[in-house]
Amino acid sequence: MHIEKKLKNMAIELPLPPQPGGKYLPYQRTRHLVYISGQICKLDGEIRYQGKVGKDLTEQQGKLAARIACLNALSVLKMAIGDLDKVVKIVNVHGYVNSAEGFTSQPNVINGASELLIDIFGERGRHSRCALAVNELPANSTVELEMIVEVD
């Protein structure tokens, strides 16, 4: 499978890997696993979705934020392994949703990332996951996403 070609056919261009916002590595690799540090919905140096889902933003906007965070995670993954065709499986995704009080549809928001991974990688993109509500995120981002990926 040629993931780069598939991305092009889907009209998806991976952003440049974001710089870490603190004293941590963007990824850590141990043998066949790559751990991607938390990625927010930042593109070209700008947070695209800020605020709380269920108050400042709709669930659909939250899904779009999750998609952007996922694209950032994939750009970091590509930096780590050089070629996305080396992905054996997306193992796990942790999604954090900046949530208004009473908002309980975090799984639907993080589906924005999960659906993208399945669209890109097919069965290799299916993963275990958690979708958590949080009170705040860095830079008031709407979503933050971490991934664990098995690679060749």
N, C-alpha and C. Protein backbone atom coordinates (compact mmCIF):
# COMPACT_ATOMS: atom_id res chain seq x y z
N MET A 1 0.85 -1.18 0.00
CA MET A 1 0.00 0.00 0.00
C MET A 1 0.90 1.25 0.00
N HIS A 2 0.55 2.22 -0.79
CA HIS A 2 1.31 3.46 -0.86
C HIS A 2 0.50 4.56 -0.19
N ILE A 3 0.80 4.78 1.08
CA ILE A 3 0.04 5.73 1.88
C ILE A 3 0.17 7.15 1.34
N GLU A 4 1.36 7.53 0.90
CA GLU A 4 1.55 8.89 0.38
C GLU A 4 0.63 9.13 -0.82
N LYS A 5 0.53 8.14 -1.69
CA LYS A 5 -0.34 8.25 -2.88
C LYS A 5 -1.80 8.33 -2.45
N LYS A 6 -2.15 7.50 -1.45
CA LYS A 6 -3.52 7.50 -0.94
C LYS A 6 -3.87 8.87 -0.36
N LEU A 7 -2.95 9.46 0.42
CA LEU A 7 -3.19 10.79 0.98
C LEU A 7 -3.42 11.81 -0.13
N LYS A 8 -2.61 11.74 -1.16
CA LYS A 8 -2.76 12.67 -2.29
C LYS A 8 -4.12 12.49 -2.96
N ASN A 9 -4.54 11.24 -3.15
CA ASN A 9 -5.85 10.97 -3.75
C ASN A 9 -6.99 11.47 -2.87
N MET A 10 -6.74 11.50 -1.55
CA MET A 10 -7.75 12.00 -0.61
C MET A 10 -7.65 13.52 -0.43
N ALA A 11 -6.76 14.15 -1.19
CA ALA A 11 -6.52 15.60 -1.09
C ALA A 11 -6.08 16.02 0.31
N ILE A 12 -5.24 15.16 0.93
CA ILE A 12 -4.72 15.44 2.26
C ILE A 12 -3.22 15.68 2.15
N GLU A 13 -2.79 16.82 2.67
CA GLU A 13 -1.37 17.13 2.75
C GLU A 13 -1.00 17.20 4.23
N LEU A 14 -0.02 16.41 4.62
CA LEU A 14 0.40 16.45 6.02
C LEU A 14 1.08 17.78 6.31
N PRO A 15 0.77 18.37 7.46
CA PRO A 15 1.45 19.61 7.84
C PRO A 15 2.89 19.32 8.25
N LEU A 16 3.68 20.36 8.39
CA LEU A 16 5.02 20.19 8.96
C LEU A 16 4.85 19.73 10.40
N PRO A 17 5.74 18.87 10.89
CA PRO A 17 5.63 18.43 12.28
C PRO A 17 5.72 19.63 13.23
N PRO A 18 4.77 19.77 14.12
CA PRO A 18 4.81 20.89 15.07
C PRO A 18 6.00 20.77 16.03
N GLN A 19 6.51 21.90 16.46
CA GLN A 19 7.57 21.92 17.46
C GLN A 19 6.94 21.66 18.83
N PRO A 20 7.62 20.92 19.68
CA PRO A 20 7.10 20.68 21.03
C PRO A 20 6.88 22.00 21.77
N GLY A 21 5.85 22.02 22.58
CA GLY A 21 5.52 23.21 23.36
C GLY A 21 6.17 23.21 24.73
N GLY A 22 7.08 22.29 24.98
CA GLY A 22 7.73 22.19 26.28
C GLY A 22 8.98 21.35 26.18
N LYS A 23 9.46 20.90 27.29
CA LYS A 23 10.70 20.12 27.38
C LYS A 23 10.40 18.63 27.24
N TYR A 24 10.02 18.21 26.05
CA TYR A 24 9.73 16.82 25.77
C TYR A 24 10.03 16.52 24.31
N LEU A 25 10.10 15.26 23.97
CA LEU A 25 10.33 14.83 22.60
C LEU A 25 8.99 14.71 21.87
N PRO A 26 8.95 15.01 20.58
CA PRO A 26 7.70 14.85 19.83
C PRO A 26 7.29 13.38 19.69
N TYR A 27 8.27 12.50 19.77
CA TYR A 27 7.98 11.06 19.72
C TYR A 27 9.10 10.32 20.44
N GLN A 28 8.80 9.08 20.77
CA GLN A 28 9.78 8.18 21.36
C GLN A 28 9.59 6.83 20.69
N ARG A 29 10.67 6.26 20.20
CA ARG A 29 10.58 4.96 19.54
C ARG A 29 11.32 3.92 20.35
N THR A 30 10.68 2.77 20.55
CA THR A 30 11.32 1.61 21.16
C THR A 30 11.02 0.42 20.27
N ARG A 31 12.03 -0.10 19.63
CA ARG A 31 11.91 -1.22 18.70
C ARG A 31 10.80 -0.97 17.68
N HIS A 32 9.66 -1.63 17.86
CA HIS A 32 8.60 -1.55 16.85
C HIS A 32 7.44 -0.65 17.25
N LEU A 33 7.60 0.10 18.33
CA LEU A 33 6.53 1.01 18.76
C LEU A 33 7.01 2.45 18.72
N VAL A 34 6.14 3.32 18.21
CA VAL A 34 6.40 4.76 18.23
C VAL A 34 5.30 5.40 19.06
N TYR A 35 5.71 6.14 20.08
CA TYR A 35 4.79 6.87 20.95
C TYR A 35 4.81 8.33 20.51
N ILE A 36 3.67 8.83 20.06
CA ILE A 36 3.58 10.21 19.61
C ILE A 36 3.06 11.06 20.76
N SER A 37 3.83 12.10 21.11
CA SER A 37 3.41 13.01 22.17
C SER A 37 2.14 13.74 21.76
N GLY A 38 1.47 14.31 22.75
CA GLY A 38 0.21 15.00 22.51
C GLY A 38 0.30 16.07 21.44
N GLN A 39 -0.62 16.02 20.51
CA GLN A 39 -0.70 16.99 19.41
C GLN A 39 -2.02 17.73 19.50
N ILE A 40 -1.96 19.03 19.33
CA ILE A 40 -3.18 19.85 19.37
C ILE A 40 -3.59 20.22 17.96
N CYS A 41 -4.66 20.97 17.84
CA CYS A 41 -5.21 21.30 16.51
C CYS A 41 -4.59 22.61 15.99
N LYS A 42 -3.27 22.59 15.85
CA LYS A 42 -2.51 23.75 15.39
C LYS A 42 -2.04 23.50 13.97
N LEU A 43 -2.28 24.47 13.09
CA LEU A 43 -1.78 24.42 11.71
C LEU A 43 -1.13 25.76 11.39
N ASP A 44 0.03 25.69 10.76
CA ASP A 44 0.76 26.90 10.37
C ASP A 44 0.92 27.86 11.54
N GLY A 45 1.20 27.31 12.71
CA GLY A 45 1.44 28.13 13.89
C GLY A 45 0.20 28.71 14.54
N GLU A 46 -0.97 28.31 14.09
CA GLU A 46 -2.22 28.88 14.60
C GLU A 46 -3.16 27.78 15.09
N ILE A 47 -3.72 27.99 16.28
CA ILE A 47 -4.72 27.05 16.80
C ILE A 47 -5.99 27.26 15.97
N ARG A 48 -6.45 26.22 15.30
CA ARG A 48 -7.62 26.35 14.41
C ARG A 48 -8.94 26.30 15.16
N TYR A 49 -8.98 25.59 16.28
CA TYR A 49 -10.20 25.51 17.08
C TYR A 49 -9.81 25.71 18.53
N GLN A 50 -10.38 26.73 19.14
CA GLN A 50 -10.11 27.04 20.54
C GLN A 50 -11.41 27.04 21.32
N GLY A 51 -11.31 26.59 22.56
CA GLY A 51 -12.46 26.64 23.44
C GLY A 51 -13.05 25.28 23.71
N LYS A 52 -14.16 25.32 24.42
CA LYS A 52 -14.81 24.12 24.91
C LYS A 52 -15.92 23.64 23.97
N VAL A 53 -15.87 22.34 23.68
CA VAL A 53 -16.95 21.74 22.90
C VAL A 53 -18.19 21.69 23.79
N GLY A 54 -19.31 22.09 23.25
CA GLY A 54 -20.55 22.13 24.02
C GLY A 54 -20.85 23.50 24.57
N LYS A 55 -19.90 24.42 24.42
CA LYS A 55 -20.10 25.81 24.86
C LYS A 55 -19.66 26.75 23.75
N ASP A 56 -18.36 26.74 23.42
CA ASP A 56 -17.81 27.64 22.41
C ASP A 56 -17.89 27.04 21.01
N LEU A 57 -17.89 25.72 20.94
CA LEU A 57 -17.83 25.03 19.65
C LEU A 57 -18.82 23.87 19.62
N THR A 58 -19.21 23.50 18.41
CA THR A 58 -20.12 22.37 18.22
C THR A 58 -19.34 21.06 18.24
N GLU A 59 -20.05 19.98 18.36
CA GLU A 59 -19.45 18.65 18.29
C GLU A 59 -18.74 18.46 16.94
N GLN A 60 -19.36 18.93 15.86
CA GLN A 60 -18.75 18.80 14.52
C GLN A 60 -17.44 19.58 14.44
N GLN A 61 -17.39 20.76 15.02
CA GLN A 61 -16.13 21.52 15.05
C GLN A 61 -15.09 20.77 15.88
N GLY A 62 -15.52 20.14 16.94
CA GLY A 62 -14.60 19.31 17.73
C GLY A 62 -14.03 18.17 16.91
N LYS A 63 -14.87 17.53 16.07
CA LYS A 63 -14.38 16.46 15.20
C LYS A 63 -13.33 16.98 14.23
N LEU A 64 -13.54 18.18 13.70
CA LEU A 64 -12.55 18.77 12.79
C LEU A 64 -11.25 19.06 13.53
N ALA A 65 -11.35 19.50 14.78
CA ALA A 65 -10.16 19.74 15.59
C ALA A 65 -9.41 18.43 15.82
N ALA A 66 -10.13 17.35 16.06
CA ALA A 66 -9.51 16.03 16.26
C ALA A 66 -8.81 15.57 14.99
N ARG A 67 -9.39 15.86 13.86
CA ARG A 67 -8.79 15.51 12.57
C ARG A 67 -7.45 16.24 12.39
N ILE A 68 -7.43 17.53 12.72
CA ILE A 68 -6.19 18.31 12.59
C ILE A 68 -5.13 17.77 13.54
N ALA A 69 -5.52 17.49 14.78
CA ALA A 69 -4.56 16.94 15.74
C ALA A 69 -4.01 15.60 15.23
N CYS A 70 -4.85 14.80 14.61
CA CYS A 70 -4.43 13.53 14.05
C CYS A 70 -3.44 13.73 12.90
N LEU A 71 -3.71 14.70 12.04
CA LEU A 71 -2.78 14.99 10.94
C LEU A 71 -1.42 15.42 11.50
N ASN A 72 -1.43 16.19 12.57
CA ASN A 72 -0.17 16.57 13.21
C ASN A 72 0.55 15.35 13.76
N ALA A 73 -0.20 14.44 14.38
CA ALA A 73 0.40 13.21 14.90
C ALA A 73 1.01 12.38 13.76
N LEU A 74 0.31 12.32 12.64
CA LEU A 74 0.83 11.57 11.49
C LEU A 74 2.08 12.24 10.92
N SER A 75 2.14 13.55 10.95
CA SER A 75 3.35 14.23 10.45
C SER A 75 4.53 13.94 11.37
N VAL A 76 4.30 13.86 12.68
CA VAL A 76 5.36 13.48 13.61
C VAL A 76 5.76 12.02 13.37
N LEU A 77 4.78 11.16 13.14
CA LEU A 77 5.07 9.76 12.84
C LEU A 77 5.93 9.64 11.59
N LYS A 78 5.60 10.37 10.56
CA LYS A 78 6.38 10.34 9.33
C LYS A 78 7.81 10.81 9.60
N MET A 79 7.97 11.84 10.43
CA MET A 79 9.29 12.31 10.80
C MET A 79 10.06 11.19 11.52
N ALA A 80 9.37 10.41 12.33
CA ALA A 80 10.00 9.35 13.12
C ALA A 80 10.43 8.16 12.27
N ILE A 81 9.62 7.79 11.28
CA ILE A 81 9.89 6.54 10.54
C ILE A 81 10.20 6.76 9.06
N GLY A 82 10.02 7.97 8.56
CA GLY A 82 10.39 8.28 7.19
C GLY A 82 9.36 7.95 6.14
N ASP A 83 8.62 6.89 6.32
CA ASP A 83 7.68 6.42 5.30
C ASP A 83 6.48 5.80 6.00
N LEU A 84 5.29 6.34 5.76
CA LEU A 84 4.09 5.83 6.43
C LEU A 84 3.69 4.43 5.98
N ASP A 85 4.30 3.93 4.91
CA ASP A 85 4.05 2.54 4.52
C ASP A 85 4.65 1.56 5.53
N LYS A 86 5.50 2.04 6.42
CA LYS A 86 6.08 1.18 7.46
C LYS A 86 5.12 0.94 8.62
N VAL A 87 3.96 1.58 8.60
CA VAL A 87 2.99 1.39 9.68
C VAL A 87 2.41 -0.01 9.59
N VAL A 88 2.57 -0.77 10.67
CA VAL A 88 1.96 -2.09 10.78
C VAL A 88 0.54 -1.95 11.32
N LYS A 89 0.39 -1.09 12.34
CA LYS A 89 -0.92 -0.93 12.98
C LYS A 89 -0.92 0.31 13.84
N ILE A 90 -2.02 1.05 13.81
CA ILE A 90 -2.26 2.08 14.81
C ILE A 90 -2.75 1.31 16.04
N VAL A 91 -1.98 1.34 17.11
CA VAL A 91 -2.28 0.52 18.27
C VAL A 91 -3.29 1.20 19.19
N ASN A 92 -3.02 2.46 19.54
CA ASN A 92 -3.84 3.13 20.55
C ASN A 92 -3.87 4.63 20.30
N VAL A 93 -5.02 5.22 20.58
CA VAL A 93 -5.20 6.67 20.51
C VAL A 93 -5.81 7.13 21.83
N HIS A 94 -5.22 8.17 22.39
CA HIS A 94 -5.80 8.85 23.56
C HIS A 94 -6.23 10.23 23.09
N GLY A 95 -7.50 10.53 23.25
CA GLY A 95 -8.02 11.83 22.86
C GLY A 95 -8.54 12.59 24.06
N TYR A 96 -8.17 13.84 24.14
CA TYR A 96 -8.58 14.72 25.23
C TYR A 96 -9.40 15.86 24.63
N VAL A 97 -10.60 16.06 25.14
CA VAL A 97 -11.51 17.06 24.59
C VAL A 97 -11.75 18.14 25.65
N ASN A 98 -11.44 19.36 25.30
CA ASN A 98 -11.71 20.53 26.13
C ASN A 98 -13.25 20.65 26.16
N SER A 99 -13.84 20.25 27.26
CA SER A 99 -15.30 20.04 27.30
C SER A 99 -16.00 20.99 28.25
N ALA A 100 -17.15 21.48 27.80
CA ALA A 100 -18.02 22.27 28.66
C ALA A 100 -18.66 21.35 29.69
N GLU A 101 -19.04 21.92 30.80
CA GLU A 101 -19.73 21.15 31.82
C GLU A 101 -20.99 20.53 31.21
N GLY A 102 -21.16 19.24 31.45
CA GLY A 102 -22.34 18.53 30.94
C GLY A 102 -22.16 17.96 29.54
N PHE A 103 -21.07 18.29 28.83
CA PHE A 103 -20.84 17.71 27.50
C PHE A 103 -20.28 16.31 27.68
N THR A 104 -20.93 15.32 27.08
CA THR A 104 -20.54 13.92 27.28
C THR A 104 -20.31 13.14 25.99
N SER A 105 -20.14 13.84 24.88
CA SER A 105 -19.96 13.16 23.59
C SER A 105 -18.50 13.17 23.13
N GLN A 106 -17.58 13.03 24.07
CA GLN A 106 -16.16 13.00 23.72
C GLN A 106 -15.85 11.89 22.70
N PRO A 107 -16.44 10.70 22.82
CA PRO A 107 -16.15 9.67 21.81
C PRO A 107 -16.50 10.12 20.39
N ASN A 108 -17.59 10.85 20.22
CA ASN A 108 -17.96 11.34 18.89
C ASN A 108 -16.94 12.35 18.37
N VAL A 109 -16.42 13.19 19.25
CA VAL A 109 -15.42 14.17 18.85
C VAL A 109 -14.15 13.46 18.38
N ILE A 110 -13.67 12.51 19.16
CA ILE A 110 -12.43 11.82 18.81
C ILE A 110 -12.60 10.91 17.60
N ASN A 111 -13.85 10.60 17.25
CA ASN A 111 -14.10 9.89 15.99
C ASN A 111 -13.53 10.65 14.79
N GLY A 112 -13.39 11.96 14.91
CA GLY A 112 -12.76 12.74 13.83
C GLY A 112 -11.36 12.23 13.51
N ALA A 113 -10.64 11.79 14.52
CA ALA A 113 -9.31 11.20 14.32
C ALA A 113 -9.43 9.74 13.92
N SER A 114 -10.25 8.98 14.62
CA SER A 114 -10.36 7.55 14.35
C SER A 114 -10.83 7.27 12.93
N GLU A 115 -11.82 8.01 12.47
CA GLU A 115 -12.32 7.82 11.10
C GLU A 115 -11.23 8.12 10.08
N LEU A 116 -10.45 9.16 10.33
CA LEU A 116 -9.36 9.50 9.41
C LEU A 116 -8.33 8.37 9.36
N LEU A 117 -7.95 7.84 10.50
CA LEU A 117 -6.97 6.76 10.54
C LEU A 117 -7.46 5.52 9.79
N ILE A 118 -8.73 5.20 9.95
CA ILE A 118 -9.30 4.04 9.24
C ILE A 118 -9.37 4.32 7.74
N ASP A 119 -9.75 5.55 7.36
CA ASP A 119 -9.79 5.92 5.94
C ASP A 119 -8.41 5.79 5.29
N ILE A 120 -7.38 6.18 6.02
CA ILE A 120 -6.02 6.16 5.47
C ILE A 120 -5.43 4.75 5.48
N PHE A 121 -5.51 4.07 6.62
CA PHE A 121 -4.80 2.80 6.78
C PHE A 121 -5.68 1.56 6.67
N GLY A 122 -6.98 1.73 6.51
CA GLY A 122 -7.87 0.57 6.45
C GLY A 122 -7.86 -0.17 7.78
N GLU A 123 -7.84 -1.49 7.73
CA GLU A 123 -7.85 -2.30 8.96
C GLU A 123 -6.66 -2.01 9.86
N ARG A 124 -5.54 -1.62 9.27
CA ARG A 124 -4.36 -1.28 10.07
C ARG A 124 -4.59 -0.02 10.89
N GLY A 125 -5.61 0.74 10.53
CA GLY A 125 -5.92 1.97 11.25
C GLY A 125 -6.87 1.80 12.41
N ARG A 126 -7.48 0.62 12.54
CA ARG A 126 -8.39 0.37 13.67
C ARG A 126 -7.56 0.22 14.94
N HIS A 127 -8.01 0.81 16.02
CA HIS A 127 -7.18 0.94 17.22
C HIS A 127 -8.01 0.90 18.49
N SER A 128 -7.34 0.64 19.60
CA SER A 128 -7.98 0.84 20.89
C SER A 128 -7.90 2.33 21.20
N ARG A 129 -8.73 2.78 22.16
CA ARG A 129 -8.82 4.22 22.32
C ARG A 129 -9.46 4.61 23.63
N CYS A 130 -9.15 5.80 24.09
CA CYS A 130 -9.96 6.43 25.12
C CYS A 130 -10.22 7.86 24.68
N ALA A 131 -11.35 8.38 25.09
CA ALA A 131 -11.75 9.75 24.77
C ALA A 131 -12.18 10.39 26.08
N LEU A 132 -11.39 11.33 26.54
CA LEU A 132 -11.58 11.91 27.86
C LEU A 132 -11.98 13.37 27.81
N ALA A 133 -12.83 13.76 28.75
CA ALA A 133 -13.16 15.18 28.94
C ALA A 133 -12.10 15.79 29.83
N VAL A 134 -11.64 16.97 29.45
CA VAL A 134 -10.72 17.73 30.30
C VAL A 134 -11.25 19.16 30.43
N ASN A 135 -10.82 19.81 31.49
CA ASN A 135 -11.29 21.16 31.78
C ASN A 135 -10.54 22.21 30.96
N GLU A 136 -9.28 21.97 30.66
CA GLU A 136 -8.45 22.91 29.91
C GLU A 136 -7.44 22.13 29.10
N LEU A 137 -6.96 22.74 28.00
CA LEU A 137 -5.87 22.18 27.22
C LEU A 137 -4.89 23.30 26.88
N PRO A 138 -3.65 22.96 26.53
CA PRO A 138 -2.68 23.99 26.18
C PRO A 138 -3.20 24.91 25.07
N ALA A 139 -2.95 26.20 25.24
CA ALA A 139 -3.33 27.24 24.27
C ALA A 139 -4.84 27.26 24.01
N ASN A 140 -5.62 26.73 24.96
CA ASN A 140 -7.07 26.66 24.83
C ASN A 140 -7.50 25.83 23.62
N SER A 141 -6.63 24.90 23.19
CA SER A 141 -6.96 24.02 22.07
C SER A 141 -8.20 23.21 22.44
N THR A 142 -8.96 22.86 21.44
CA THR A 142 -10.17 22.09 21.64
C THR A 142 -9.89 20.61 21.86
N VAL A 143 -8.83 20.10 21.22
CA VAL A 143 -8.49 18.68 21.29
C VAL A 143 -6.99 18.51 21.42
N GLU A 144 -6.58 17.47 22.14
CA GLU A 144 -5.20 17.01 22.14
C GLU A 144 -5.24 15.50 21.93
N LEU A 145 -4.28 14.99 21.16
CA LEU A 145 -4.30 13.59 20.75
C LEU A 145 -2.92 12.98 20.91
N GLU A 146 -2.85 11.76 21.48
CA GLU A 146 -1.62 10.96 21.55
C GLU A 146 -1.87 9.67 20.79
N MET A 147 -0.79 9.09 20.24
CA MET A 147 -0.92 7.82 19.53
C MET A 147 0.25 6.90 19.85
N ILE A 148 -0.04 5.62 19.80
CA ILE A 148 0.98 4.58 19.82
C ILE A 148 0.83 3.79 18.53
N VAL A 149 1.94 3.62 17.81
CA VAL A 149 1.90 3.00 16.48
C VAL A 149 2.95 1.90 16.40
N GLU A 150 2.55 0.73 15.89
CA GLU A 150 3.50 -0.33 15.61
C GLU A 150 4.03 -0.14 14.20
N VAL A 151 5.35 -0.22 14.06
CA VAL A 151 5.99 0.00 12.75
C VAL A 151 6.98 -1.12 12.44
N ASP A 152 7.31 -1.27 11.15
CA ASP A 152 8.35 -2.21 10.72
C ASP A 152 9.70 -1.74 11.19
